[in-house]
N, C-alpha and C. Protein backbone atom coordinates (compact mmCIF):
# COMPACT_ATOMS: atom_id res chain seq x y z
N MET A 1 99.09 136.01 113.87
CA MET A 1 99.65 135.08 112.89
C MET A 1 100.77 134.27 113.52
N ARG A 2 101.52 134.89 114.38
CA ARG A 2 102.64 134.21 115.04
C ARG A 2 102.11 133.07 115.91
N TYR A 3 101.03 133.34 116.65
CA TYR A 3 100.42 132.33 117.51
C TYR A 3 99.88 131.17 116.66
N PHE A 4 99.26 131.49 115.54
CA PHE A 4 98.72 130.48 114.64
C PHE A 4 99.83 129.57 114.13
N LEU A 5 100.95 130.12 113.72
CA LEU A 5 102.06 129.33 113.23
C LEU A 5 102.64 128.45 114.35
N CYS A 6 102.65 128.95 115.56
CA CYS A 6 103.12 128.17 116.70
C CYS A 6 102.21 126.96 116.91
N VAL A 7 100.91 127.18 116.85
CA VAL A 7 99.95 126.09 117.03
C VAL A 7 100.09 125.06 115.92
N ILE A 8 100.21 125.50 114.68
CA ILE A 8 100.37 124.58 113.56
C ILE A 8 101.65 123.76 113.73
N GLY A 9 102.73 124.40 114.16
CA GLY A 9 103.98 123.70 114.39
C GLY A 9 103.85 122.65 115.48
N MET A 10 103.13 122.96 116.54
CA MET A 10 102.95 121.98 117.61
C MET A 10 102.10 120.80 117.15
N VAL A 11 101.08 121.08 116.35
CA VAL A 11 100.25 119.99 115.81
C VAL A 11 101.08 119.09 114.92
N MET A 12 101.91 119.68 114.05
CA MET A 12 102.76 118.88 113.17
C MET A 12 103.75 118.04 113.97
N PHE A 13 104.28 118.59 115.04
CA PHE A 13 105.21 117.85 115.89
C PHE A 13 104.52 116.65 116.52
N ILE A 14 103.35 116.87 117.09
CA ILE A 14 102.62 115.79 117.75
C ILE A 14 102.17 114.74 116.73
N GLU A 15 101.73 115.17 115.55
CA GLU A 15 101.31 114.23 114.52
C GLU A 15 102.48 113.39 114.01
N GLY A 16 103.66 113.96 113.94
CA GLY A 16 104.82 113.24 113.42
C GLY A 16 105.51 112.34 114.42
N LEU A 17 105.26 112.56 115.69
CA LEU A 17 105.94 111.81 116.74
C LEU A 17 105.76 110.30 116.63
N PRO A 18 104.54 109.76 116.44
CA PRO A 18 104.40 108.30 116.35
C PRO A 18 105.15 107.70 115.16
N TYR A 19 105.20 108.41 114.04
CA TYR A 19 105.89 107.90 112.86
C TYR A 19 107.40 107.83 113.11
N PHE A 20 107.91 108.77 113.87
CA PHE A 20 109.33 108.77 114.20
C PHE A 20 109.66 107.72 115.25
N ALA A 21 108.83 107.64 116.29
CA ALA A 21 109.12 106.76 117.42
C ALA A 21 108.77 105.30 117.16
N PHE A 22 107.70 105.05 116.39
CA PHE A 22 107.23 103.68 116.20
C PHE A 22 106.87 103.39 114.74
N PRO A 23 107.81 103.53 113.81
CA PRO A 23 107.45 103.33 112.41
C PRO A 23 106.96 101.91 112.10
N ASP A 24 107.50 100.91 112.80
CA ASP A 24 107.08 99.53 112.54
C ASP A 24 105.65 99.26 113.02
N LYS A 25 105.19 99.99 114.01
CA LYS A 25 103.83 99.80 114.51
C LYS A 25 102.83 100.68 113.76
N MET A 26 103.30 101.73 113.10
CA MET A 26 102.40 102.63 112.38
C MET A 26 101.92 102.02 111.06
N LYS A 27 102.74 101.20 110.43
CA LYS A 27 102.36 100.62 109.13
C LYS A 27 101.10 99.76 109.23
N PRO A 28 101.01 98.80 110.16
CA PRO A 28 99.76 98.03 110.26
C PRO A 28 98.57 98.91 110.64
N TRP A 29 98.80 99.92 111.47
CA TRP A 29 97.71 100.81 111.87
C TRP A 29 97.19 101.58 110.67
N LEU A 30 98.10 102.04 109.82
CA LEU A 30 97.69 102.76 108.62
C LEU A 30 96.95 101.84 107.65
N GLN A 31 97.35 100.57 107.60
CA GLN A 31 96.64 99.61 106.75
C GLN A 31 95.19 99.45 107.23
N LYS A 32 95.00 99.38 108.54
CA LYS A 32 93.65 99.29 109.10
C LYS A 32 92.85 100.55 108.77
N LEU A 33 93.52 101.69 108.77
CA LEU A 33 92.86 102.94 108.44
C LEU A 33 92.35 102.92 107.01
N LEU A 34 93.14 102.36 106.10
CA LEU A 34 92.72 102.26 104.70
C LEU A 34 91.50 101.36 104.53
N GLU A 35 91.35 100.38 105.42
CA GLU A 35 90.24 99.44 105.33
C GLU A 35 88.98 99.95 106.03
N THR A 36 89.08 101.06 106.74
CA THR A 36 87.94 101.60 107.48
C THR A 36 86.95 102.27 106.53
N GLU A 37 85.67 102.10 106.81
CA GLU A 37 84.62 102.71 105.99
C GLU A 37 84.72 104.23 106.02
N ASN A 38 84.38 104.86 104.90
CA ASN A 38 84.41 106.32 104.80
C ASN A 38 83.49 106.97 105.81
N SER A 39 82.33 106.38 106.04
CA SER A 39 81.39 106.98 106.99
C SER A 39 81.97 106.99 108.40
N THR A 40 82.70 105.95 108.75
CA THR A 40 83.33 105.89 110.07
C THR A 40 84.41 106.96 110.19
N LEU A 41 85.19 107.13 109.14
CA LEU A 41 86.24 108.16 109.15
C LEU A 41 85.63 109.56 109.24
N ARG A 42 84.51 109.77 108.55
CA ARG A 42 83.84 111.07 108.61
C ARG A 42 83.33 111.35 110.02
N LYS A 43 82.75 110.35 110.66
CA LYS A 43 82.26 110.52 112.03
C LYS A 43 83.41 110.84 112.97
N LEU A 44 84.50 110.10 112.83
CA LEU A 44 85.68 110.36 113.66
C LEU A 44 86.20 111.77 113.40
N GLY A 45 86.23 112.18 112.14
CA GLY A 45 86.71 113.51 111.79
C GLY A 45 85.87 114.62 112.40
N VAL A 46 84.54 114.48 112.34
CA VAL A 46 83.69 115.53 112.90
C VAL A 46 83.81 115.57 114.42
N VAL A 47 83.96 114.42 115.06
CA VAL A 47 84.15 114.40 116.52
C VAL A 47 85.46 115.09 116.88
N MET A 48 86.52 114.82 116.12
CA MET A 48 87.82 115.46 116.39
C MET A 48 87.74 116.97 116.17
N MET A 49 87.07 117.40 115.10
CA MET A 49 86.95 118.83 114.84
C MET A 49 86.15 119.54 115.93
N LEU A 50 85.04 118.94 116.34
CA LEU A 50 84.23 119.56 117.39
C LEU A 50 84.97 119.59 118.73
N THR A 51 85.70 118.54 119.01
CA THR A 51 86.51 118.52 120.24
C THR A 51 87.58 119.60 120.19
N GLY A 52 88.23 119.75 119.04
CA GLY A 52 89.23 120.79 118.88
C GLY A 52 88.64 122.19 119.05
N LEU A 53 87.47 122.42 118.45
CA LEU A 53 86.82 123.72 118.61
C LEU A 53 86.44 123.98 120.06
N LEU A 54 85.96 122.95 120.73
CA LEU A 54 85.62 123.09 122.15
C LEU A 54 86.85 123.44 122.98
N LEU A 55 87.97 122.79 122.70
CA LEU A 55 89.20 123.10 123.44
C LEU A 55 89.68 124.52 123.16
N VAL A 56 89.57 124.96 121.91
CA VAL A 56 89.94 126.34 121.58
C VAL A 56 89.03 127.31 122.31
N TYR A 57 87.73 127.02 122.33
CA TYR A 57 86.77 127.89 123.02
C TYR A 57 87.05 127.96 124.51
N LEU A 58 87.32 126.81 125.11
CA LEU A 58 87.56 126.77 126.56
C LEU A 58 88.89 127.41 126.95
N SER A 59 89.84 127.46 126.03
CA SER A 59 91.15 128.01 126.36
C SER A 59 91.28 129.49 126.02
N ARG A 60 90.21 130.09 125.51
CA ARG A 60 90.28 131.52 125.14
C ARG A 60 90.43 132.37 126.40
N PRO A 61 91.06 133.52 126.27
CA PRO A 61 91.19 134.42 127.43
C PRO A 61 89.82 134.95 127.86
N MET A 62 89.61 135.00 129.12
CA MET A 62 88.34 135.52 129.66
C MET A 62 88.45 137.04 129.83
N GLY A 63 87.35 137.72 129.58
CA GLY A 63 87.31 139.15 129.85
C GLY A 63 87.46 139.94 128.68
């Protein structure tokens, strides 16, 4: 559980970094995101999830 909370904290840190560092550039990007088709967002989401699972699998301890 401790490791899980550490990972969640790191994800939140990385996700929040652009909003902190570049708030003026994030607003137009978010507007474009709102205009993106749902099917495109779903495809992007599944690619990100599968990539994340692959990284977790590859980083597991061997043996």
